[in-house]
């Protein structure tokens, strides 16, 4: 298993031999090493995702899934989760679905051996996939992508005094450093940004858009839907959102590759357009707070508080963290890609 030190040595050799590499290549290598080598979730890790905050999050996803399945009138569907972490979301969602009499076959798209082991401990009957290509074709897919697209490679471009260039990673006096590429990159940047001020950054995720488009095609062909929940924005114009997290604190993006979690904000407008081009119907995006609220998370929090009065404060704090505007309620967005013949999804009655 490659360690962060091994990765750093390999990247240094590659840059010394062939020159600076695109930010996207650096991000792909860094995150590949990061997720393969350890469990980054929870208080002892580097960050906490919504499923780790409270069982309520996964339960709301399960209710959403069961409702979508029931109203579609499909006899069978597959539960597919992209990057399922420890399996916490799936376990909570499947428990909620089971209470409603829904028991789908479970498929995880996961490449990390460390995380696969954690998932197997929780859900031993699941089927694992290294990529989306091997997902089943015999029934509709209802796909859950929670904090998946933000960790895929992003290409970045920087405006220099000589024009737009792809942002690269080279070697500086103190290690890895951002440098502009040598080749003009105007063709990769929207025309209205061609005269942006020097230092402006434009970013896009071709890998994420390709996966979104491919899954939308599957949904259109065989039925189903995909629910995307992530932190991000709509109508992105320009700006650098690439960040690194380590031990719940921000870190230098270009230091210690493989030891930090690298992410960027999801462009929901672009991702939705990728799905629309494949023929899917797009609903949302809406805020996570609105989405969960529509599904009934307030009532669930109240019920949990009544059943566990000793944990009422903890449950209330988790509810607020997931839904408040000042917490995850607004920064995180929810969007659905749906087969055009399937019913409207719950949670997207208004765009907020």
Protein backbone atom coordinates (compact mmCIF):
# COMPACT_ATOMS: atom_id res chain seq x y z
CA UNK A 1 0.00 0.00 0.00
CA UNK A 2 1.40 3.38 -1.03
CA UNK A 3 2.12 5.78 1.83
CA UNK A 4 2.02 9.60 1.54
CA UNK A 5 5.83 9.59 1.66
CA UNK A 6 5.94 7.08 -1.21
CA UNK A 7 3.51 9.22 -3.20
CA UNK A 8 5.52 12.40 -2.62
CA UNK A 9 8.68 10.66 -3.87
CA UNK A 10 6.85 9.37 -6.94
CA UNK A 11 5.41 12.80 -7.76
CA UNK A 12 8.80 14.47 -7.33
CA UNK A 13 10.39 11.97 -9.74
CA UNK A 14 7.59 12.46 -12.24
CA UNK A 15 7.88 16.26 -12.13
CA UNK A 16 11.69 16.15 -12.35
CA UNK A 17 11.51 13.86 -15.37
CA UNK A 18 8.56 15.34 -17.29
CA UNK A 19 7.87 18.76 -15.80
CA UNK A 20 4.90 20.15 -13.84
CA UNK A 21 1.68 18.11 -13.76
CA UNK A 22 -1.94 19.37 -13.92
CA UNK A 23 -3.70 20.07 -10.63
CA UNK A 24 -6.20 17.38 -11.63
CA UNK A 25 -3.46 14.73 -11.82
CA UNK A 26 -2.05 15.83 -8.47
CA UNK A 27 -5.52 15.74 -6.88
CA UNK A 28 -6.29 12.29 -8.32
CA UNK A 29 -3.02 10.83 -7.05
CA UNK A 30 -3.29 12.50 -3.64
CA UNK A 31 -6.88 11.41 -3.00
CA UNK A 32 -6.22 7.93 -4.35
CA UNK A 33 -3.46 7.45 -1.78
CA UNK A 34 -5.43 9.20 0.97
CA UNK A 35 -8.56 7.06 0.77
CA UNK A 36 -6.68 3.81 0.13
CA UNK A 37 -4.50 4.13 3.22
CA UNK A 38 -6.82 5.01 6.10
CA UNK A 39 -10.30 5.76 7.45
CA UNK A 40 -10.70 9.55 7.30
CA UNK A 41 -14.18 9.80 8.85
CA UNK A 42 -15.36 10.76 12.31
CA UNK A 43 -13.96 12.61 15.29
CA UNK A 44 -10.64 10.75 15.10
CA UNK A 45 -10.34 11.31 11.35
CA UNK A 46 -10.08 14.43 9.23
CA UNK A 47 -13.74 15.32 8.69
CA UNK A 48 -17.29 14.33 9.61
CA UNK A 49 -19.92 13.73 6.93
CA UNK A 50 -23.67 14.04 7.43
CA UNK A 51 -24.27 10.30 8.00
CA UNK A 52 -21.71 10.34 10.81
CA UNK A 53 -23.44 13.28 12.50
CA UNK A 54 -26.74 11.48 13.02
CA UNK A 55 -28.71 8.42 11.96
CA UNK A 56 -31.45 10.86 10.93
CA UNK A 57 -29.63 11.76 7.73
CA UNK A 58 -29.45 8.19 6.45
CA UNK A 59 -33.01 7.53 7.56
CA UNK A 60 -34.28 10.48 5.49
CA UNK A 61 -32.37 9.12 2.48
CA UNK A 62 -33.97 5.73 3.05
CA UNK A 63 -37.44 7.28 3.17
CA UNK A 64 -36.69 9.21 -0.02
CA UNK A 65 -35.50 6.00 -1.72
CA UNK A 66 -38.50 3.93 -0.58
CA UNK A 67 -40.95 6.62 -1.68
CA UNK A 68 -39.31 6.90 -5.10
CA UNK A 69 -39.38 3.14 -5.54
CA UNK A 70 -43.00 2.78 -4.44
CA UNK A 71 -44.34 5.50 -6.73
CA UNK A 72 -42.31 4.25 -9.70
CA UNK A 73 -44.15 0.92 -9.46
CA UNK A 74 -40.93 -0.89 -10.38
CA UNK A 75 -40.94 -4.46 -9.04
CA UNK A 76 -37.20 -4.45 -8.32
CA UNK A 77 -34.57 -1.74 -7.98
CA UNK A 78 -30.92 -1.73 -7.01
CA UNK A 79 -29.54 0.47 -4.23
CA UNK A 80 -26.28 1.96 -5.50
CA UNK A 81 -24.04 4.18 -3.42
CA UNK A 82 -20.98 5.98 -4.77
CA UNK A 83 -18.15 6.30 -2.26
CA UNK A 84 -20.13 4.93 0.72
CA UNK A 85 -17.54 5.74 3.40
CA UNK A 86 -17.94 3.44 6.38
CA UNK A 87 -21.35 2.25 5.17
CA UNK A 88 -23.12 4.34 7.81
CA UNK A 89 -25.52 6.06 5.42
CA UNK A 90 -26.44 2.77 3.73
CA UNK A 91 -27.03 0.98 7.04
CA UNK A 92 -29.35 3.72 8.29
CA UNK A 93 -31.13 4.09 4.93
CA UNK A 94 -31.66 0.34 4.53
CA UNK A 95 -33.01 0.05 8.07
CA UNK A 96 -35.55 2.79 7.33
CA UNK A 97 -36.45 1.14 4.02
CA UNK A 98 -36.85 -2.22 5.71
CA UNK A 99 -39.37 -0.75 8.12
CA UNK A 100 -41.38 0.23 5.04
CA UNK A 101 -41.11 -3.24 3.51
CA UNK A 102 -38.47 -2.34 0.93
CA UNK A 103 -35.37 -4.52 0.63
CA UNK A 104 -33.24 -3.65 -2.42
CA UNK A 105 -30.05 -5.38 -3.49
CA UNK A 106 -27.07 -3.27 -2.44
CA UNK A 107 -24.17 -2.17 -4.65
CA UNK A 108 -21.21 -0.08 -3.54
CA UNK A 109 -18.77 1.68 -5.85
CA UNK A 110 -15.61 1.76 -3.74
CA UNK A 111 -11.91 1.32 -4.50
CA UNK A 112 -10.39 1.78 -1.03
CA UNK A 113 -9.51 -1.56 0.61
CA UNK A 114 -9.63 0.06 4.05
CA UNK A 115 -13.15 1.40 3.54
CA UNK A 116 -14.34 -1.78 1.82
CA UNK A 117 -13.44 -3.71 4.95
CA UNK A 118 -15.47 -1.32 7.12
CA UNK A 119 -18.39 -1.58 4.70
CA UNK A 120 -18.21 -5.39 4.67
CA UNK A 121 -18.36 -5.47 8.47
CA UNK A 122 -21.61 -3.51 8.33
CA UNK A 123 -23.24 -4.83 5.16
CA UNK A 124 -21.67 -8.20 4.24
CA UNK A 125 -24.29 -8.99 1.58
CA UNK A 126 -23.47 -5.98 -0.59
CA UNK A 127 -21.78 -6.25 -3.97
CA UNK A 128 -18.68 -4.13 -4.55
CA UNK A 129 -17.61 -2.44 -7.78
CA UNK A 130 -14.37 -0.70 -8.74
CA UNK A 131 -16.26 1.57 -11.13
CA UNK A 132 -19.71 2.33 -12.50
CA UNK A 133 -19.20 0.17 -15.59
CA UNK A 134 -20.06 -3.08 -13.79
CA UNK A 135 -23.27 -1.88 -12.13
CA UNK A 136 -26.23 -4.17 -12.92
CA UNK A 137 -28.31 -3.65 -16.05
CA UNK A 138 -31.31 -5.86 -15.22
CA UNK A 139 -33.38 -3.37 -13.19
CA UNK A 140 -33.65 0.34 -12.35
CA UNK A 141 -30.86 1.95 -10.35
CA UNK A 142 -31.50 4.39 -7.52
CA UNK A 143 -28.11 5.91 -6.88
CA UNK A 144 -26.97 7.83 -3.81
CA UNK A 145 -23.96 10.14 -4.14
CA UNK A 146 -23.30 11.90 -0.83
CA UNK A 147 -20.07 13.92 -0.80
CA UNK A 148 -18.78 11.97 -3.79
CA UNK A 149 -18.38 14.46 -6.61
CA UNK A 150 -16.42 16.99 -4.52
CA UNK A 151 -13.45 14.63 -4.23
CA UNK A 152 -13.10 13.86 -7.94
CA UNK A 153 -10.24 15.54 -9.86
CA UNK A 154 -10.70 19.18 -10.82
CA UNK A 155 -8.84 20.96 -13.58
CA UNK A 156 -7.93 24.54 -12.76
CA UNK A 157 -6.93 27.40 -15.05
CA UNK A 158 -5.26 30.66 -14.06
CA UNK A 159 -5.22 33.99 -15.86
CA UNK A 160 -1.67 35.25 -16.31
CA UNK A 161 -0.34 38.41 -17.93
CA UNK A 162 0.21 36.25 -21.01
CA UNK A 163 -3.32 34.81 -21.02
CA UNK A 164 -5.04 31.76 -19.54
CA UNK A 165 -2.90 28.74 -18.64
CA UNK A 166 -3.72 25.46 -16.97
CA UNK A 167 -2.74 25.52 -13.31
CA UNK A 168 0.00 22.98 -12.72
CA UNK A 169 1.95 21.55 -9.78
CA UNK A 170 5.72 21.88 -9.90
CA UNK A 171 8.59 21.99 -7.44
CA UNK A 172 9.46 25.13 -5.49
CA UNK A 173 12.02 25.97 -2.85
CA UNK A 174 9.90 24.41 -0.10
CA UNK A 175 8.28 21.50 -1.94
CA UNK A 176 5.29 21.28 -4.26
CA UNK A 177 4.00 24.58 -5.62
CA UNK A 178 1.39 25.90 -8.01
CA UNK A 179 2.76 27.13 -11.34
CA UNK A 180 1.08 28.17 -14.60
CA UNK A 181 1.46 25.84 -17.57
CA UNK A 182 3.24 26.85 -20.75
CA UNK A 183 0.41 26.19 -23.21
CA UNK A 184 -2.37 28.75 -23.84
CA UNK A 185 -5.69 27.49 -22.44
CA UNK A 186 -8.27 30.03 -23.63
CA UNK A 187 -10.23 27.24 -25.33
CA UNK A 188 -10.83 25.61 -21.92
CA UNK A 189 -12.22 28.77 -20.31
CA UNK A 190 -15.62 30.40 -21.01
CA UNK A 191 -15.31 33.26 -23.47
CA UNK A 192 -16.71 35.86 -21.06
CA UNK A 193 -13.72 35.21 -18.77
CA UNK A 194 -11.04 35.74 -21.42
CA UNK A 195 -10.40 39.29 -20.20
CA UNK A 196 -10.52 38.48 -16.47
CA UNK A 197 -7.90 40.08 -14.24
CA UNK A 198 -4.57 38.32 -13.75
CA UNK A 199 -4.72 35.77 -10.97
CA UNK A 200 -8.33 34.75 -11.68
CA UNK A 201 -9.02 31.01 -11.35
CA UNK A 202 -11.49 28.93 -13.34
CA UNK A 203 -12.11 25.29 -12.36
CA UNK A 204 -14.09 22.39 -13.74
CA UNK A 205 -14.35 18.64 -13.14
CA UNK A 206 -14.43 16.73 -16.44
CA UNK A 207 -14.23 13.48 -14.48
CA UNK A 208 -17.28 14.35 -12.40
CA UNK A 209 -19.28 15.54 -15.40
CA UNK A 210 -18.40 12.35 -17.31
CA UNK A 211 -19.57 10.14 -14.43
CA UNK A 212 -22.75 12.19 -14.01
CA UNK A 213 -23.49 11.92 -17.74
CA UNK A 214 -22.77 8.17 -17.86
CA UNK A 215 -25.02 7.43 -14.88
CA UNK A 216 -27.78 9.62 -16.30
CA UNK A 217 -27.63 7.56 -19.50
CA UNK A 218 -28.01 4.38 -17.44
CA UNK A 219 -30.98 5.88 -15.59
CA UNK A 220 -32.66 6.90 -18.84
CA UNK A 221 -32.03 3.47 -20.37
CA UNK A 222 -33.03 1.20 -17.49
CA UNK A 223 -35.03 3.42 -15.12
CA UNK A 224 -34.21 4.96 -11.78
CA UNK A 225 -32.81 8.13 -10.26
CA UNK A 226 -29.66 9.57 -8.73
CA UNK A 227 -29.64 11.73 -5.61
CA UNK A 228 -26.59 13.98 -5.30
CA UNK A 229 -25.87 15.73 -2.01
CA UNK A 230 -22.69 17.73 -1.69
CA UNK A 231 -21.30 21.11 -0.81
CA UNK A 232 -21.21 23.39 -3.79
CA UNK A 233 -22.80 26.17 -5.76
CA UNK A 234 -24.91 27.01 -8.81
CA UNK A 235 -24.12 29.30 -11.73
CA UNK A 236 -20.38 29.13 -11.02
CA UNK A 237 -18.43 31.83 -12.79
CA UNK A 238 -14.86 31.84 -11.46
CA UNK A 239 -12.96 31.32 -8.23
CA UNK A 240 -10.67 28.85 -6.49
CA UNK A 241 -12.52 26.42 -4.18
CA UNK A 242 -9.87 23.70 -3.95
CA UNK A 243 -9.13 22.97 -0.29
CA UNK A 244 -7.34 20.45 1.94
CA UNK A 245 -8.50 19.11 5.32
CA UNK A 246 -6.49 17.33 7.96
CA UNK A 247 -7.67 16.60 11.52
CA UNK A 248 -10.74 18.85 11.02
CA UNK A 249 -8.59 21.85 10.09
CA UNK A 250 -7.65 23.44 6.77
CA UNK A 251 -4.24 22.49 5.43
CA UNK A 252 -2.01 23.55 2.55
CA UNK A 253 -3.30 21.98 -0.67
CA UNK A 254 0.22 21.48 -1.97
CA UNK A 255 1.78 20.01 1.17
CA UNK A 256 1.85 16.34 2.17
CA UNK A 257 -0.09 14.86 -0.78
CA UNK A 258 -1.90 11.71 0.29
CA UNK A 259 -2.14 12.82 3.92
CA UNK A 260 -4.92 15.40 3.41
CA UNK A 261 -8.42 15.24 1.94
CA UNK A 262 -8.60 17.38 -1.21
CA UNK A 263 -12.00 18.62 -2.38
CA UNK A 264 -13.59 21.42 -4.40
CA UNK A 265 -17.10 22.82 -4.56
CA UNK A 266 -19.45 20.92 -6.87
CA UNK A 267 -20.83 22.98 -9.75
CA UNK A 268 -24.45 21.80 -9.60
CA UNK A 269 -25.41 23.77 -12.71
CA UNK A 270 -22.80 22.00 -14.82
CA UNK A 271 -23.53 18.60 -13.26
CA UNK A 272 -27.25 19.04 -13.88
CA UNK A 273 -26.58 19.98 -17.50
CA UNK A 274 -24.47 16.81 -17.91
CA UNK A 275 -27.46 14.78 -16.77
CA UNK A 276 -29.90 16.75 -18.90
CA UNK A 277 -27.78 16.16 -22.01
CA UNK A 278 -28.14 12.43 -21.36
CA UNK A 279 -31.94 12.76 -21.31
CA UNK A 280 -32.52 12.76 -17.55
CA UNK A 281 -34.96 15.10 -15.81
CA UNK A 282 -33.23 17.33 -13.28
CA UNK A 283 -34.91 18.36 -10.04
CA UNK A 284 -33.26 20.88 -7.75
CA UNK A 285 -30.81 21.79 -6.57
CA UNK A 286 -32.27 22.82 -3.24
CA UNK A 287 -30.57 23.39 0.09
CA UNK A 288 -29.88 20.35 2.25
CA UNK A 289 -31.88 21.97 5.03
CA UNK A 290 -34.92 22.33 2.79
CA UNK A 291 -34.56 18.81 1.39
CA UNK A 292 -34.31 17.13 4.79
CA UNK A 293 -37.03 19.35 6.22
CA UNK A 294 -39.46 18.38 3.48
CA UNK A 295 -38.78 14.70 4.17
CA UNK A 296 -39.68 15.12 7.85
CA UNK A 297 -36.39 15.34 9.74
CA UNK A 298 -37.88 17.71 12.35
CA UNK A 299 -40.53 15.15 13.29
CA UNK A 300 -37.91 12.41 13.40
CA UNK A 301 -35.66 14.50 15.67
CA UNK A 302 -38.59 15.15 18.01
CA UNK A 303 -39.47 11.43 18.12
CA UNK A 304 -35.87 10.44 18.85
CA UNK A 305 -35.72 13.05 21.60
CA UNK A 306 -38.83 11.64 23.24
CA UNK A 307 -37.53 8.08 23.09
CA UNK A 308 -34.06 9.05 24.30
CA UNK A 309 -34.51 12.02 26.68
CA UNK A 310 -30.98 11.56 27.98
CA UNK A 311 -29.71 12.35 24.46
CA UNK A 312 -32.17 15.15 23.63
CA UNK A 313 -29.49 17.86 23.55
CA UNK A 314 -27.23 15.73 21.32
CA UNK A 315 -30.10 14.97 18.94
CA UNK A 316 -31.11 18.62 18.78
CA UNK A 317 -27.54 19.69 18.06
CA UNK A 318 -27.25 17.13 15.25
CA UNK A 319 -30.54 18.29 13.75
CA UNK A 320 -29.37 21.91 13.76
CA UNK A 321 -26.00 21.01 12.29
CA UNK A 322 -27.63 19.21 9.38
CA UNK A 323 -30.28 21.82 8.63
CA UNK A 324 -29.37 25.31 9.92
CA UNK A 325 -28.27 27.95 7.43
CA UNK A 326 -25.18 28.70 9.51
CA UNK A 327 -24.16 25.02 9.52
CA UNK A 328 -24.63 22.53 6.65
CA UNK A 329 -28.18 23.49 5.75
CA UNK A 330 -27.38 25.95 2.96
CA UNK A 331 -23.81 25.23 1.83
CA UNK A 332 -24.79 21.64 1.10
CA UNK A 333 -27.15 21.17 -1.83
CA UNK A 334 -29.36 18.32 -3.04
CA UNK A 335 -30.20 17.53 -6.66
CA UNK A 336 -31.81 14.58 -8.44
CA UNK A 337 -31.34 13.12 -11.92
CA UNK A 338 -34.43 11.08 -12.80
CA UNK A 339 -35.69 8.91 -15.63
CA UNK A 340 -38.16 11.17 -17.49
CA UNK A 341 -40.92 8.55 -17.18
CA UNK A 342 -40.52 8.25 -13.41
CA UNK A 343 -42.53 10.35 -10.93
CA UNK A 344 -41.30 13.58 -9.38
CA UNK A 345 -39.01 13.10 -6.41
CA UNK A 346 -39.88 14.13 -2.88
CA UNK A 347 -37.90 17.03 -1.41
CA UNK A 348 -37.69 19.23 -4.51
CA UNK A 349 -41.00 21.06 -4.40
CA UNK A 350 -39.24 24.44 -4.40
CA UNK A 351 -35.78 25.71 -5.29
CA UNK A 352 -34.12 27.33 -2.29
